[in-house]
Amino acid sequence: MKTNSLVIIAGLCALMGIATAEEGKAKAAKKEIAPEILEKYDTDKDGKLSKEEKAAMKKDKEAAEPKKEKKTKKKAEEGAGGEAGEI
């Protein structure tokens, strides 16, 4: 009886280990970087983004965000009938 229980427990532990390994692979696959981003920012062409390459990507993203805010504000003003603050 004890032997059967130990075999069952060992089998379950093995299955849990396999499931955990598969989950880790799935998470790693989600972290893949889009090819167009690699093409633009991966200057050393190693397939990964270094700290410097990530910083360049972040800088470009931050530079693009104020443009979005200006467009949104302009649309809001147009929808309100002109200048901001008019009643």
PDB file of N, CA and C in Angstrom:
ATOM      1  N   MET A   1       0.821  -1.192   0.000  1.00  0.00           N
ATOM      2  CA  MET A   1       0.000   0.000   0.000  1.00  0.00           C
ATOM      3  C   MET A   1       0.868   1.261   0.000  1.00  0.00           C
ATOM      4  N   LYS A   2       1.897   1.236   0.865  1.00  0.00           N
ATOM      5  CA  LYS A   2       2.775   2.399   0.919  1.00  0.00           C
ATOM      6  C   LYS A   2       3.504   2.592  -0.403  1.00  0.00           C
ATOM      7  N   THR A   3       3.884   1.496  -1.033  1.00  0.00           N
ATOM      8  CA  THR A   3       4.601   1.572  -2.308  1.00  0.00           C
ATOM      9  C   THR A   3       3.699   2.189  -3.370  1.00  0.00           C
ATOM     10  N   ASN A   4       2.446   1.774  -3.434  1.00  0.00           N
ATOM     11  CA  ASN A   4       1.502   2.340  -4.407  1.00  0.00           C
ATOM     12  C   ASN A   4       1.314   3.841  -4.184  1.00  0.00           C
ATOM     13  N   SER A   5       1.186   4.231  -2.928  1.00  0.00           N
ATOM     14  CA  SER A   5       1.006   5.645  -2.615  1.00  0.00           C
ATOM     15  C   SER A   5       2.223   6.449  -3.051  1.00  0.00           C
ATOM     16  N   LEU A   6       3.420   5.918  -2.796  1.00  0.00           N
ATOM     17  CA  LEU A   6       4.647   6.620  -3.182  1.00  0.00           C
ATOM     18  C   LEU A   6       4.761   6.741  -4.699  1.00  0.00           C
ATOM     19  N   VAL A   7       4.371   5.702  -5.412  1.00  0.00           N
ATOM     20  CA  VAL A   7       4.417   5.740  -6.876  1.00  0.00           C
ATOM     21  C   VAL A   7       3.433   6.790  -7.401  1.00  0.00           C
ATOM     22  N   ILE A   8       2.260   6.833  -6.833  1.00  0.00           N
ATOM     23  CA  ILE A   8       1.252   7.813  -7.261  1.00  0.00           C
ATOM     24  C   ILE A   8       1.741   9.238  -6.958  1.00  0.00           C
ATOM     25  N   ILE A   9       2.264   9.448  -5.775  1.00  0.00           N
ATOM     26  CA  ILE A   9       2.770  10.776  -5.401  1.00  0.00           C
ATOM     27  C   ILE A   9       3.918  11.184  -6.319  1.00  0.00           C
ATOM     28  N   ALA A  10       4.831  10.269  -6.601  1.00  0.00           N
ATOM     29  CA  ALA A  10       5.960  10.576  -7.489  1.00  0.00           C
ATOM     30  C   ALA A  10       5.453  10.928  -8.894  1.00  0.00           C
ATOM     31  N   GLY A  11       4.467  10.205  -9.371  1.00  0.00           N
ATOM     32  CA  GLY A  11       3.898  10.491 -10.691  1.00  0.00           C
ATOM     33  C   GLY A  11       3.238  11.860 -10.745  1.00  0.00           C
ATOM     34  N   LEU A  12       2.508  12.186  -9.706  1.00  0.00           N
ATOM     35  CA  LEU A  12       1.865  13.504  -9.656  1.00  0.00           C
ATOM     36  C   LEU A  12       2.901  14.627  -9.605  1.00  0.00           C
ATOM     37  N   CYS A  13       3.961  14.423  -8.845  1.00  0.00           N
ATOM     38  CA  CYS A  13       5.026  15.430  -8.780  1.00  0.00           C
ATOM     39  C   CYS A  13       5.677  15.617 -10.153  1.00  0.00           C
ATOM     40  N   ALA A  14       5.891  14.530 -10.855  1.00  0.00           N
ATOM     41  CA  ALA A  14       6.482  14.614 -12.190  1.00  0.00           C
ATOM     42  C   ALA A  14       5.565  15.379 -13.139  1.00  0.00           C
ATOM     43  N   LEU A  15       4.280  15.099 -13.084  1.00  0.00           N
ATOM     44  CA  LEU A  15       3.318  15.817 -13.938  1.00  0.00           C
ATOM     45  C   LEU A  15       3.285  17.303 -13.607  1.00  0.00           C
ATOM     46  N   MET A  16       3.374  17.647 -12.330  1.00  0.00           N
ATOM     47  CA  MET A  16       3.373  19.048 -11.932  1.00  0.00           C
ATOM     48  C   MET A  16       4.632  19.751 -12.447  1.00  0.00           C
ATOM     49  N   GLY A  17       5.744  19.044 -12.422  1.00  0.00           N
ATOM     50  CA  GLY A  17       6.985  19.610 -12.936  1.00  0.00           C
ATOM     51  C   GLY A  17       6.909  19.871 -14.430  1.00  0.00           C
ATOM     52  N   ILE A  18       6.324  18.958 -15.157  1.00  0.00           N
ATOM     53  CA  ILE A  18       6.163  19.127 -16.610  1.00  0.00           C
ATOM     54  C   ILE A  18       5.230  20.298 -16.898  1.00  0.00           C
ATOM     55  N   ALA A  19       4.136  20.393 -16.148  1.00  0.00           N
ATOM     56  CA  ALA A  19       3.181  21.479 -16.359  1.00  0.00           C
ATOM     57  C   ALA A  19       3.833  22.833 -16.071  1.00  0.00           C
ATOM     58  N   THR A  20       4.643  22.892 -15.023  1.00  0.00           N
ATOM     59  CA  THR A  20       5.328  24.141 -14.673  1.00  0.00           C
ATOM     60  C   THR A  20       6.326  24.522 -15.755  1.00  0.00           C
ATOM     61  N   ALA A  21       7.038  23.558 -16.291  1.00  0.00           N
ATOM     62  CA  ALA A  21       8.004  23.834 -17.353  1.00  0.00           C
ATOM     63  C   ALA A  21       7.305  24.368 -18.599  1.00  0.00           C
ATOM     64  N   GLU A  22       6.175  23.782 -18.953  1.00  0.00           N
ATOM     65  CA  GLU A  22       5.413  24.247 -20.112  1.00  0.00           C
ATOM     66  C   GLU A  22       4.895  25.665 -19.897  1.00  0.00           C
ATOM     67  N   GLU A  23       4.472  25.964 -18.678  1.00  0.00           N
ATOM     68  CA  GLU A  23       3.989  27.305 -18.366  1.00  0.00           C
ATOM     69  C   GLU A  23       5.122  28.322 -18.510  1.00  0.00           C
ATOM     70  N   GLY A  24       6.312  27.958 -18.080  1.00  0.00           N
ATOM     71  CA  GLY A  24       7.468  28.839 -18.219  1.00  0.00           C
ATOM     72  C   GLY A  24       7.792  29.112 -19.680  1.00  0.00           C
ATOM     73  N   LYS A  25       7.675  28.094 -20.526  1.00  0.00           N
ATOM     74  CA  LYS A  25       7.910  28.276 -21.960  1.00  0.00           C
ATOM     75  C   LYS A  25       6.873  29.215 -22.564  1.00  0.00           C
ATOM     76  N   ALA A  26       5.625  29.089 -22.130  1.00  0.00           N
ATOM     77  CA  ALA A  26       4.562  29.951 -22.650  1.00  0.00           C
ATOM     78  C   ALA A  26       4.811  31.403 -22.267  1.00  0.00           C
ATOM     79  N   LYS A  27       5.256  31.639 -21.032  1.00  0.00           N
ATOM     80  CA  LYS A  27       5.554  33.001 -20.600  1.00  0.00           C
ATOM     81  C   LYS A  27       6.711  33.578 -21.400  1.00  0.00           C
ATOM     82  N   ALA A  28       7.721  32.759 -21.658  1.00  0.00           N
ATOM     83  CA  ALA A  28       8.868  33.225 -22.439  1.00  0.00           C
ATOM     84  C   ALA A  28       8.447  33.576 -23.861  1.00  0.00           C
ATOM     85  N   ALA A  29       7.532  32.817 -24.417  1.00  0.00           N
ATOM     86  CA  ALA A  29       7.062  33.084 -25.778  1.00  0.00           C
ATOM     87  C   ALA A  29       6.302  34.403 -25.845  1.00  0.00           C
ATOM     88  N   LYS A  30       5.585  34.763 -24.771  1.00  0.00           N
ATOM     89  CA  LYS A  30       4.844  36.020 -24.748  1.00  0.00           C
ATOM     90  C   LYS A  30       5.786  37.218 -24.743  1.00  0.00           C
ATOM     91  N   LYS A  31       6.994  37.042 -24.245  1.00  0.00           N
ATOM     92  CA  LYS A  31       7.936  38.144 -24.131  1.00  0.00           C
ATOM     93  C   LYS A  31       8.691  38.404 -25.426  1.00  0.00           C
ATOM     94  N   GLU A  32       8.372  37.684 -26.482  1.00  0.00           N
ATOM     95  CA  GLU A  32       9.037  37.914 -27.761  1.00  0.00           C
ATOM     96  C   GLU A  32       8.731  39.321 -28.244  1.00  0.00           C
ATOM     97  N   ILE A  33       9.730  39.934 -28.820  1.00  0.00           N
ATOM     98  CA  ILE A  33       9.602  41.315 -29.280  1.00  0.00           C
ATOM     99  C   ILE A  33       9.155  41.308 -30.731  1.00  0.00           C
ATOM    100  N   ALA A  34       8.246  42.204 -31.048  1.00  0.00           N
ATOM    101  CA  ALA A  34       7.721  42.297 -32.410  1.00  0.00           C
ATOM    102  C   ALA A  34       8.858  42.563 -33.392  1.00  0.00           C
ATOM    103  N   PRO A  35       8.838  41.907 -34.541  1.00  0.00           N
ATOM    104  CA  PRO A  35       9.925  42.064 -35.520  1.00  0.00           C
ATOM    105  C   PRO A  35      10.155  43.512 -35.947  1.00  0.00           C
ATOM    106  N   GLU A  36       9.068  44.286 -36.073  1.00  0.00           N
ATOM    107  CA  GLU A  36       9.252  45.674 -36.510  1.00  0.00           C
ATOM    108  C   GLU A  36       9.962  46.514 -35.448  1.00  0.00           C
ATOM    109  N   ILE A  37       9.757  46.167 -34.187  1.00  0.00           N
ATOM    110  CA  ILE A  37      10.463  46.890 -33.120  1.00  0.00           C
ATOM    111  C   ILE A  37      11.928  46.501 -33.127  1.00  0.00           C
ATOM    112  N   LEU A  38      12.214  45.208 -33.284  1.00  0.00           N
ATOM    113  CA  LEU A  38      13.611  44.775 -33.366  1.00  0.00           C
ATOM    114  C   LEU A  38      14.319  45.423 -34.545  1.00  0.00           C
ATOM    115  N   GLU A  39      13.632  45.492 -35.661  1.00  0.00           N
ATOM    116  CA  GLU A  39      14.227  46.072 -36.855  1.00  0.00           C
ATOM    117  C   GLU A  39      14.616  47.533 -36.620  1.00  0.00           C
ATOM    118  N   LYS A  40      13.763  48.252 -35.901  1.00  0.00           N
ATOM    119  CA  LYS A  40      14.003  49.671 -35.685  1.00  0.00           C
ATOM    120  C   LYS A  40      15.028  49.945 -34.580  1.00  0.00           C
ATOM    121  N   TYR A  41      14.963  49.200 -33.472  1.00  0.00           N
ATOM    122  CA  TYR A  41      15.769  49.538 -32.296  1.00  0.00           C
ATOM    123  C   TYR A  41      16.940  48.609 -32.012  1.00  0.00           C
ATOM    124  N   ASP A  42      16.961  47.414 -32.554  1.00  0.00           N
ATOM    125  CA  ASP A  42      18.047  46.462 -32.282  1.00  0.00           C
ATOM    126  C   ASP A  42      19.253  46.814 -33.147  1.00  0.00           C
ATOM    127  N   THR A  43      20.033  47.792 -32.695  1.00  0.00           N
ATOM    128  CA  THR A  43      21.139  48.309 -33.509  1.00  0.00           C
ATOM    129  C   THR A  43      22.282  47.309 -33.663  1.00  0.00           C
ATOM    130  N   ASP A  44      22.491  46.451 -32.668  1.00  0.00           N
ATOM    131  CA  ASP A  44      23.582  45.477 -32.777  1.00  0.00           C
ATOM    132  C   ASP A  44      23.128  44.151 -33.392  1.00  0.00           C
ATOM    133  N   LYS A  45      21.848  44.066 -33.750  1.00  0.00           N
ATOM    134  CA  LYS A  45      21.262  42.911 -34.459  1.00  0.00           C
ATOM    135  C   LYS A  45      21.504  41.578 -33.738  1.00  0.00           C
ATOM    136  N   ASP A  46      21.379  41.598 -32.382  1.00  0.00           N
ATOM    137  CA  ASP A  46      21.540  40.351 -31.636  1.00  0.00           C
ATOM    138  C   ASP A  46      20.213  39.683 -31.288  1.00  0.00           C
ATOM    139  N   GLY A  47      19.101  40.285 -31.737  1.00  0.00           N
ATOM    140  CA  GLY A  47      17.787  39.703 -31.482  1.00  0.00           C
ATOM    141  C   GLY A  47      17.208  40.086 -30.142  1.00  0.00           C
ATOM    142  N   LYS A  48      17.910  40.931 -29.377  1.00  0.00           N
ATOM    143  CA  LYS A  48      17.446  41.386 -28.073  1.00  0.00           C
ATOM    144  C   LYS A  48      17.621  42.894 -28.004  1.00  0.00           C
ATOM    145  N   LEU A  49      16.909  43.515 -27.063  1.00  0.00           N
ATOM    146  CA  LEU A  49      17.087  44.940 -26.851  1.00  0.00           C
ATOM    147  C   LEU A  49      17.937  45.165 -25.607  1.00  0.00           C
ATOM    148  N   SER A  50      19.054  45.851 -25.793  1.00  0.00           N
ATOM    149  CA  SER A  50      19.920  46.195 -24.665  1.00  0.00           C
ATOM    150  C   SER A  50      19.309  47.363 -23.901  1.00  0.00           C
ATOM    151  N   LYS A  51      19.936  47.739 -22.786  1.00  0.00           N
ATOM    152  CA  LYS A  51      19.438  48.872 -22.013  1.00  0.00           C
ATOM    153  C   LYS A  51      19.409  50.133 -22.861  1.00  0.00           C
ATOM    154  N   GLU A  52      20.440  50.332 -23.651  1.00  0.00           N
ATOM    155  CA  GLU A  52      20.519  51.535 -24.496  1.00  0.00           C
ATOM    156  C   GLU A  52      19.426  51.522 -25.568  1.00  0.00           C
ATOM    157  N   GLU A  53      19.195  50.356 -26.153  1.00  0.00           N
ATOM    158  CA  GLU A  53      18.169  50.234 -27.194  1.00  0.00           C
ATOM    159  C   GLU A  53      16.771  50.445 -26.606  1.00  0.00           C
ATOM    160  N   LYS A  54      16.541  49.918 -25.389  1.00  0.00           N
ATOM    161  CA  LYS A  54      15.263  50.128 -24.719  1.00  0.00           C
ATOM    162  C   LYS A  54      15.078  51.602 -24.379  1.00  0.00           C
ATOM    163  N   ALA A  55      16.163  52.261 -23.965  1.00  0.00           N
ATOM    164  CA  ALA A  55      16.088  53.690 -23.648  1.00  0.00           C
ATOM    165  C   ALA A  55      15.723  54.502 -24.884  1.00  0.00           C
ATOM    166  N   ALA A  56      16.281  54.138 -26.034  1.00  0.00           N
ATOM    167  CA  ALA A  56      15.962  54.835 -27.283  1.00  0.00           C
ATOM    168  C   ALA A  56      14.491  54.628 -27.635  1.00  0.00           C
ATOM    169  N   MET A  57      13.979  53.417 -27.440  1.00  0.00           N
ATOM    170  CA  MET A  57      12.581  53.130 -27.721  1.00  0.00           C
ATOM    171  C   MET A  57      11.676  53.939 -26.783  1.00  0.00           C
ATOM    172  N   LYS A  58      12.036  53.998 -25.504  1.00  0.00           N
ATOM    173  CA  LYS A  58      11.253  54.749 -24.531  1.00  0.00           C
ATOM    174  C   LYS A  58      11.260  56.242 -24.874  1.00  0.00           C
ATOM    175  N   LYS A  59      12.417  56.749 -25.286  1.00  0.00           N
ATOM    176  CA  LYS A  59      12.531  58.168 -25.645  1.00  0.00           C
ATOM    177  C   LYS A  59      11.616  58.488 -26.832  1.00  0.00           C
ATOM    178  N   ASP A  60      11.625  57.627 -27.836  1.00  0.00           N
ATOM    179  CA  ASP A  60      10.754  57.834 -29.000  1.00  0.00           C
ATOM    180  C   ASP A  60       9.279  57.787 -28.602  1.00  0.00           C
ATOM    181  N   LYS A  61       8.938  56.866 -27.714  1.00  0.00           N
ATOM    182  CA  LYS A  61       7.552  56.730 -27.264  1.00  0.00           C
ATOM    183  C   LYS A  61       7.108  57.982 -26.508  1.00  0.00           C
ATOM    184  N   GLU A  62       7.970  58.464 -25.622  1.00  0.00           N
ATOM    185  CA  GLU A  62       7.640  59.667 -24.852  1.00  0.00           C
ATOM    186  C   GLU A  62       7.534  60.891 -25.756  1.00  0.00           C
ATOM    187  N   ALA A  63       8.363  60.962 -26.774  1.00  0.00           N
ATOM    188  CA  ALA A  63       8.314  62.088 -27.707  1.00  0.00           C
ATOM    189  C   ALA A  63       7.023  62.073 -28.516  1.00  0.00           C
ATOM    190  N   ALA A  64       6.485  60.893 -28.771  1.00  0.00           N
ATOM    191  CA  ALA A  64       5.252  60.775 -29.558  1.00  0.00           C
ATOM    192  C   ALA A  64       4.009  61.064 -28.721  1.00  0.00           C
ATOM    193  N   GLU A  65       4.051  60.849 -27.426  1.00  0.00           N
ATOM    194  CA  GLU A  65       2.872  61.019 -26.576  1.00  0.00           C
ATOM    195  C   GLU A  65       2.361  62.459 -26.515  1.00  0.00           C
ATOM    196  N   PRO A  66       3.206  63.470 -26.368  1.00  0.00           N
ATOM    197  CA  PRO A  66       2.657  64.830 -26.340  1.00  0.00           C
ATOM    198  C   PRO A  66       1.892  65.185 -27.618  1.00  0.00           C
ATOM    199  N   LYS A  67       2.301  64.643 -28.740  1.00  0.00           N
ATOM    200  CA  LYS A  67       1.586  64.884 -29.993  1.00  0.00           C
ATOM    201  C   LYS A  67       0.163  64.351 -29.893  1.00  0.00           C
ATOM    202  N   LYS A  68      -0.011  63.194 -29.289  1.00  0.00           N
ATOM    203  CA  LYS A  68      -1.343  62.618 -29.110  1.00  0.00           C
ATOM    204  C   LYS A  68      -2.197  63.541 -28.249  1.00  0.00           C
ATOM    205  N   GLU A  69      -1.596  64.053 -27.153  1.00  0.00           N
ATOM    206  CA  GLU A  69      -2.340  64.912 -26.241  1.00  0.00           C
ATOM    207  C   GLU A  69      -2.781  66.186 -26.951  1.00  0.00           C
ATOM    208  N   LYS A  70      -1.910  66.767 -27.781  1.00  0.00           N
ATOM    209  CA  LYS A  70      -2.254  67.978 -28.507  1.00  0.00           C
ATOM    210  C   LYS A  70      -3.411  67.726 -29.458  1.00  0.00           C
ATOM    211  N   LYS A  71      -3.377  66.583 -30.167  1.00  0.00           N
ATOM    212  CA  LYS A  71      -4.450  66.252 -31.100  1.00  0.00           C
ATOM    213  C   LYS A  71      -5.767  66.070 -30.355  1.00  0.00           C
ATOM    214  N   THR A  72      -5.726  65.387 -29.230  1.00  0.00           N
ATOM    215  CA  THR A  72      -6.934  65.154 -28.446  1.00  0.00           C
ATOM    216  C   THR A  72      -7.499  66.471 -27.934  1.00  0.00           C
ATOM    217  N   LYS A  73      -6.613  67.352 -27.458  1.00  0.00           N
ATOM    218  CA  LYS A  73      -7.056  68.644 -26.950  1.00  0.00           C
ATOM    219  C   LYS A  73      -7.680  69.473 -28.079  1.00  0.00           C
ATOM    220  N   LYS A  74      -7.053  69.444 -29.255  1.00  0.00           N
ATOM    221  CA  LYS A  74      -7.564  70.197 -30.386  1.00  0.00           C
ATOM    222  C   LYS A  74      -8.956  69.689 -30.783  1.00  0.00           C
ATOM    223  N   LYS A  75      -9.139  68.377 -30.807  1.00  0.00           N
ATOM    224  CA  LYS A  75     -10.442  67.806 -31.142  1.00  0.00           C
ATOM    225  C   LYS A  75     -11.485  68.211 -30.113  1.00  0.00           C
ATOM    226  N   ALA A  76     -11.097  68.225 -28.845  1.00  0.00           N
ATOM    227  CA  ALA A  76     -12.029  68.610 -27.788  1.00  0.00           C
ATOM    228  C   ALA A  76     -12.446  70.066 -27.955  1.00  0.00           C
ATOM    229  N   GLU A  77     -11.490  70.910 -28.316  1.00  0.00           N
ATOM    230  CA  GLU A  77     -11.793  72.323 -28.525  1.00  0.00           C
ATOM    231  C   GLU A  77     -12.735  72.503 -29.722  1.00  0.00           C
ATOM    232  N   GLU A  78     -12.472  71.785 -30.773  1.00  0.00           N
ATOM    233  CA  GLU A  78     -13.312  71.877 -31.960  1.00  0.00           C
ATOM    234  C   GLU A  78     -14.729  71.395 -31.653  1.00  0.00           C
ATOM    235  N   GLY A  79     -14.824  70.359 -30.888  1.00  0.00           N
ATOM    236  CA  GLY A  79     -16.130  69.817 -30.526  1.00  0.00           C
ATOM    237  C   GLY A  79     -16.892  70.744 -29.597  1.00  0.00           C
ATOM    238  N   ALA A  80     -16.166  71.567 -28.823  1.00  0.00           N
ATOM    239  CA  ALA A  80     -16.806  72.467 -27.879  1.00  0.00           C
ATOM    240  C   ALA A  80     -17.182  73.791 -28.553  1.00  0.00           C
ATOM    241  N   GLY A  81     -16.834  73.943 -29.807  1.00  0.00           N
ATOM    242  CA  GLY A  81     -17.226  75.148 -30.495  1.00  0.00           C
ATOM    243  C   GLY A  81     -16.160  76.225 -30.549  1.00  0.00           C
ATOM    244  N   GLY A  82     -14.914  75.857 -30.416  1.00  0.00           N
ATOM    245  CA  GLY A  82     -13.863  76.871 -30.558  1.00  0.00           C
ATOM    246  C   GLY A  82     -12.825  76.818 -29.468  1.00  0.00           C
ATOM    247  N   GLU A  83     -12.480  77.969 -28.968  1.00  0.00           N
ATOM    248  CA  GLU A  83     -11.404  78.088 -27.985  1.00  0.00           C
ATOM    249  C   GLU A  83     -11.759  77.411 -26.672  1.00  0.00           C
ATOM    250  N   ALA A  84     -10.731  76.889 -26.019  1.00  0.00           N
ATOM    251  CA  ALA A  84     -10.941  76.277 -24.716  1.00  0.00           C
ATOM    252  C   ALA A  84     -11.357  77.370 -23.739  1.00  0.00           C
ATOM    253  N   GLY A  85     -12.273  77.092 -22.882  1.00  0.00           N
ATOM    254  CA  GLY A  85     -12.699  78.047 -21.897  1.00  0.00           C
ATOM    255  C   GLY A  85     -13.915  78.871 -22.308  1.00  0.00           C
ATOM    256  N   GLU A  86     -14.310  78.795 -23.579  1.00  0.00           N
ATOM    257  CA  GLU A  86     -15.509  79.516 -24.008  1.00  0.00           C
ATOM    258  C   GLU A  86     -16.755  78.821 -23.492  1.00  0.00           C
ATOM    259  N   ILE A  87     -17.741  79.596 -23.212  1.00  0.00           N
ATOM    260  CA  ILE A  87     -18.994  79.026 -22.716  1.00  0.00           C
ATOM    261  C   ILE A  87     -20.079  79.257 -23.743  1.00  0.00           C
TER     262      ILE A  87
END
